[in-house]
Amino acid sequence: MVRIVNEKDILLERLVLGPYETNCYIVVCNKTQHSLVVDAPADASKIIDTLQGTIPRYILLTHDHYDHTGTLASLRTRLKVPPIPLR
């Protein structure tokens, strides 16, 4: 059995950002407080605010369209974490 979501262990938040109202997800391990961002459409400050109290580890990219990577450069600089393309 593989647990995909265990609510006491994982927090998953969705942000809708940018002119195309693109989804951005924040995933947090409640045990370690490690977090990751899935897609970086816009508004780096709002994403960083949502990450407060966590330890950002990665930015996962579902694909490289602008509406999913619009603030990637800013996030990488500010969070100092690597982007990882999902294939």
N, C-alpha and C. Protein backbone atom coordinates (compact mmCIF):
# COMPACT_ATOMS: atom_id res chain seq x y z
N MET A 1 0.85 -1.18 0.00
CA MET A 1 0.00 0.00 0.00
C MET A 1 0.89 1.24 0.00
N VAL A 2 0.55 2.19 -0.80
CA VAL A 2 1.27 3.45 -0.86
C VAL A 2 0.32 4.55 -0.41
N ARG A 3 0.72 5.26 0.61
CA ARG A 3 -0.08 6.40 1.05
C ARG A 3 0.30 7.62 0.24
N ILE A 4 -0.64 8.20 -0.44
CA ILE A 4 -0.40 9.39 -1.23
C ILE A 4 -0.52 10.64 -0.36
N VAL A 5 -1.54 10.71 0.47
CA VAL A 5 -1.73 11.84 1.38
C VAL A 5 -2.09 11.30 2.74
N ASN A 6 -1.37 11.73 3.74
CA ASN A 6 -1.69 11.40 5.13
C ASN A 6 -1.80 12.74 5.84
N GLU A 7 -2.98 13.17 6.11
CA GLU A 7 -3.23 14.53 6.57
C GLU A 7 -2.47 14.93 7.82
N LYS A 8 -2.15 13.98 8.68
CA LYS A 8 -1.38 14.39 9.85
C LYS A 8 0.10 14.55 9.52
N ASP A 9 0.54 13.99 8.41
CA ASP A 9 1.94 14.08 8.02
C ASP A 9 2.21 15.11 6.95
N ILE A 10 1.25 15.36 6.07
CA ILE A 10 1.48 16.23 4.92
C ILE A 10 0.40 17.30 4.82
N LEU A 11 0.85 18.49 4.54
CA LEU A 11 -0.04 19.61 4.27
C LEU A 11 0.11 19.96 2.80
N LEU A 12 -0.97 20.09 2.10
CA LEU A 12 -0.98 20.47 0.69
C LEU A 12 -1.84 21.71 0.54
N GLU A 13 -1.26 22.80 0.01
CA GLU A 13 -2.01 24.03 -0.22
C GLU A 13 -1.95 24.41 -1.69
N ARG A 14 -3.02 24.97 -2.19
CA ARG A 14 -3.07 25.43 -3.57
C ARG A 14 -3.21 26.94 -3.60
N LEU A 15 -2.40 27.59 -4.41
CA LEU A 15 -2.52 29.01 -4.67
C LEU A 15 -2.90 29.19 -6.14
N VAL A 16 -3.75 30.14 -6.43
CA VAL A 16 -4.11 30.46 -7.81
C VAL A 16 -3.49 31.82 -8.10
N LEU A 17 -2.52 31.84 -9.05
CA LEU A 17 -1.70 33.04 -9.23
C LEU A 17 -1.59 33.45 -10.69
N GLY A 18 -1.34 34.72 -10.89
CA GLY A 18 -1.04 35.24 -12.21
C GLY A 18 -2.27 35.52 -13.05
N PRO A 19 -2.04 36.15 -14.21
CA PRO A 19 -3.15 36.54 -15.08
C PRO A 19 -3.91 35.36 -15.67
N TYR A 20 -3.27 34.21 -15.71
CA TYR A 20 -3.95 33.01 -16.24
C TYR A 20 -4.55 32.15 -15.13
N GLU A 21 -4.48 32.65 -13.89
CA GLU A 21 -5.00 31.93 -12.71
C GLU A 21 -4.48 30.50 -12.68
N THR A 22 -3.15 30.39 -12.72
CA THR A 22 -2.47 29.10 -12.74
C THR A 22 -2.32 28.57 -11.32
N ASN A 23 -2.51 27.26 -11.17
CA ASN A 23 -2.34 26.62 -9.86
C ASN A 23 -0.87 26.51 -9.50
N CYS A 24 -0.58 26.77 -8.25
CA CYS A 24 0.72 26.57 -7.64
C CYS A 24 0.44 25.80 -6.35
N TYR A 25 1.19 24.76 -6.11
CA TYR A 25 0.96 23.95 -4.92
C TYR A 25 2.15 24.03 -3.98
N ILE A 26 1.86 24.07 -2.70
CA ILE A 26 2.87 24.02 -1.65
C ILE A 26 2.63 22.72 -0.89
N VAL A 27 3.67 21.90 -0.78
CA VAL A 27 3.58 20.64 -0.06
C VAL A 27 4.53 20.74 1.12
N VAL A 28 4.03 20.44 2.32
CA VAL A 28 4.84 20.53 3.54
C VAL A 28 4.77 19.22 4.31
N CYS A 29 5.93 18.72 4.70
CA CYS A 29 5.98 17.58 5.62
C CYS A 29 5.80 18.13 7.02
N ASN A 30 4.75 17.72 7.70
CA ASN A 30 4.48 18.24 9.03
C ASN A 30 5.47 17.76 10.08
N LYS A 31 6.19 16.69 9.81
CA LYS A 31 7.20 16.18 10.76
C LYS A 31 8.49 16.99 10.69
N THR A 32 8.99 17.24 9.46
CA THR A 32 10.28 17.91 9.29
C THR A 32 10.15 19.39 8.96
N GLN A 33 8.97 19.80 8.53
CA GLN A 33 8.69 21.15 8.04
C GLN A 33 9.40 21.44 6.72
N HIS A 34 9.94 20.41 6.05
CA HIS A 34 10.49 20.58 4.71
C HIS A 34 9.31 20.84 3.76
N SER A 35 9.56 21.71 2.79
CA SER A 35 8.49 22.05 1.86
C SER A 35 9.01 22.06 0.43
N LEU A 36 8.06 22.02 -0.50
CA LEU A 36 8.40 22.18 -1.91
C LEU A 36 7.27 22.92 -2.58
N VAL A 37 7.64 23.57 -3.68
CA VAL A 37 6.70 24.34 -4.48
C VAL A 37 6.51 23.58 -5.79
N VAL A 38 5.27 23.42 -6.21
CA VAL A 38 4.98 22.81 -7.51
C VAL A 38 4.47 23.92 -8.42
N ASP A 39 5.28 24.26 -9.41
CA ASP A 39 5.06 25.34 -10.38
C ASP A 39 5.22 26.70 -9.73
N ALA A 40 5.66 27.66 -10.53
CA ALA A 40 5.96 29.01 -10.05
C ALA A 40 5.40 30.03 -11.02
N PRO A 41 4.07 30.17 -11.07
CA PRO A 41 3.46 30.99 -12.10
C PRO A 41 3.68 32.50 -11.95
N ALA A 42 3.55 33.02 -10.75
CA ALA A 42 3.62 34.47 -10.54
C ALA A 42 3.66 34.75 -9.05
N ASP A 43 3.92 36.01 -8.69
CA ASP A 43 3.82 36.50 -7.32
C ASP A 43 4.70 35.72 -6.35
N ALA A 44 6.01 35.84 -6.55
CA ALA A 44 6.98 35.15 -5.69
C ALA A 44 6.76 35.49 -4.22
N SER A 45 6.42 36.73 -3.92
CA SER A 45 6.23 37.14 -2.52
C SER A 45 5.10 36.37 -1.85
N LYS A 46 4.01 36.13 -2.57
CA LYS A 46 2.89 35.38 -2.00
C LYS A 46 3.29 33.93 -1.76
N ILE A 47 4.04 33.35 -2.68
CA ILE A 47 4.52 31.97 -2.50
C ILE A 47 5.44 31.91 -1.29
N ILE A 48 6.36 32.85 -1.18
CA ILE A 48 7.30 32.86 -0.05
C ILE A 48 6.56 33.08 1.26
N ASP A 49 5.55 33.94 1.27
CA ASP A 49 4.74 34.13 2.48
C ASP A 49 4.08 32.83 2.90
N THR A 50 3.59 32.05 1.94
CA THR A 50 2.94 30.78 2.25
C THR A 50 3.94 29.76 2.79
N LEU A 51 5.20 29.89 2.43
CA LEU A 51 6.24 28.98 2.90
C LEU A 51 6.77 29.32 4.28
N GLN A 52 6.33 30.43 4.87
CA GLN A 52 6.83 30.85 6.18
C GLN A 52 6.68 29.72 7.19
N GLY A 53 7.73 29.51 7.98
CA GLY A 53 7.72 28.47 9.00
C GLY A 53 8.12 27.11 8.47
N THR A 54 8.46 27.05 7.17
CA THR A 54 8.89 25.78 6.57
C THR A 54 10.33 25.92 6.08
N ILE A 55 10.90 24.80 5.67
CA ILE A 55 12.25 24.77 5.11
C ILE A 55 12.13 24.38 3.64
N PRO A 56 12.11 25.37 2.75
CA PRO A 56 11.97 25.06 1.32
C PRO A 56 13.14 24.22 0.82
N ARG A 57 12.82 23.18 0.02
CA ARG A 57 13.85 22.29 -0.49
C ARG A 57 13.93 22.28 -2.01
N TYR A 58 12.79 22.37 -2.69
CA TYR A 58 12.76 22.24 -4.15
C TYR A 58 11.63 23.05 -4.75
N ILE A 59 11.80 23.33 -6.05
CA ILE A 59 10.72 23.84 -6.87
C ILE A 59 10.52 22.81 -7.98
N LEU A 60 9.37 22.16 -7.99
CA LEU A 60 9.07 21.18 -9.03
C LEU A 60 8.29 21.87 -10.15
N LEU A 61 8.66 21.56 -11.38
CA LEU A 61 7.99 22.17 -12.53
C LEU A 61 7.29 21.09 -13.34
N THR A 62 5.98 21.24 -13.50
CA THR A 62 5.23 20.24 -14.27
C THR A 62 5.53 20.34 -15.75
N HIS A 63 5.80 21.56 -16.23
CA HIS A 63 6.21 21.79 -17.62
C HIS A 63 6.72 23.22 -17.72
N ASP A 64 7.25 23.58 -18.89
CA ASP A 64 7.95 24.86 -18.98
C ASP A 64 7.18 25.98 -19.69
N HIS A 65 5.88 25.95 -19.65
CA HIS A 65 5.12 27.08 -20.20
C HIS A 65 5.26 28.27 -19.26
N TYR A 66 5.23 29.46 -19.85
CA TYR A 66 5.44 30.68 -19.07
C TYR A 66 4.49 30.81 -17.88
N ASP A 67 3.25 30.38 -18.06
CA ASP A 67 2.28 30.54 -16.96
C ASP A 67 2.58 29.59 -15.80
N HIS A 68 3.58 28.73 -15.92
CA HIS A 68 4.00 27.85 -14.82
C HIS A 68 5.41 28.17 -14.33
N THR A 69 6.11 29.07 -15.05
CA THR A 69 7.49 29.39 -14.68
C THR A 69 7.74 30.89 -14.56
N GLY A 70 6.71 31.69 -14.58
CA GLY A 70 6.84 33.14 -14.64
C GLY A 70 7.68 33.76 -13.54
N THR A 71 7.69 33.19 -12.36
CA THR A 71 8.47 33.75 -11.25
C THR A 71 9.57 32.79 -10.78
N LEU A 72 9.92 31.84 -11.62
CA LEU A 72 10.94 30.84 -11.25
C LEU A 72 12.27 31.49 -10.90
N ALA A 73 12.75 32.42 -11.72
CA ALA A 73 14.05 33.05 -11.46
C ALA A 73 14.06 33.76 -10.11
N SER A 74 12.99 34.48 -9.82
CA SER A 74 12.90 35.19 -8.54
C SER A 74 12.86 34.21 -7.36
N LEU A 75 12.08 33.15 -7.48
CA LEU A 75 12.01 32.16 -6.40
C LEU A 75 13.36 31.48 -6.17
N ARG A 76 14.02 31.10 -7.25
CA ARG A 76 15.33 30.45 -7.11
C ARG A 76 16.31 31.35 -6.38
N THR A 77 16.32 32.62 -6.74
CA THR A 77 17.24 33.57 -6.11
C THR A 77 16.90 33.78 -4.63
N ARG A 78 15.64 33.92 -4.35
CA ARG A 78 15.22 34.23 -2.98
C ARG A 78 15.23 33.03 -2.05
N LEU A 79 14.89 31.85 -2.57
CA LEU A 79 14.83 30.65 -1.73
C LEU A 79 16.12 29.84 -1.74
N LYS A 80 16.92 30.04 -2.78
CA LYS A 80 18.18 29.29 -2.93
C LYS A 80 17.95 27.77 -2.94
N VAL A 81 16.96 27.36 -3.73
CA VAL A 81 16.66 25.93 -3.90
C VAL A 81 16.66 25.60 -5.39
N PRO A 82 16.94 24.35 -5.74
CA PRO A 82 17.00 23.98 -7.15
C PRO A 82 15.62 23.70 -7.74
N PRO A 83 15.46 24.02 -9.03
CA PRO A 83 14.25 23.59 -9.74
C PRO A 83 14.45 22.17 -10.24
N ILE A 84 13.38 21.41 -10.26
CA ILE A 84 13.43 20.04 -10.76
C ILE A 84 12.29 19.86 -11.76
N PRO A 85 12.61 19.63 -13.04
CA PRO A 85 11.54 19.39 -14.00
C PRO A 85 10.96 17.98 -13.83
N LEU A 86 9.65 17.88 -13.82
CA LEU A 86 9.00 16.57 -13.75
C LEU A 86 8.82 16.08 -15.18
N ARG A 87 9.20 14.88 -15.45
CA ARG A 87 9.09 14.35 -16.81
C ARG A 87 8.27 13.10 -16.82
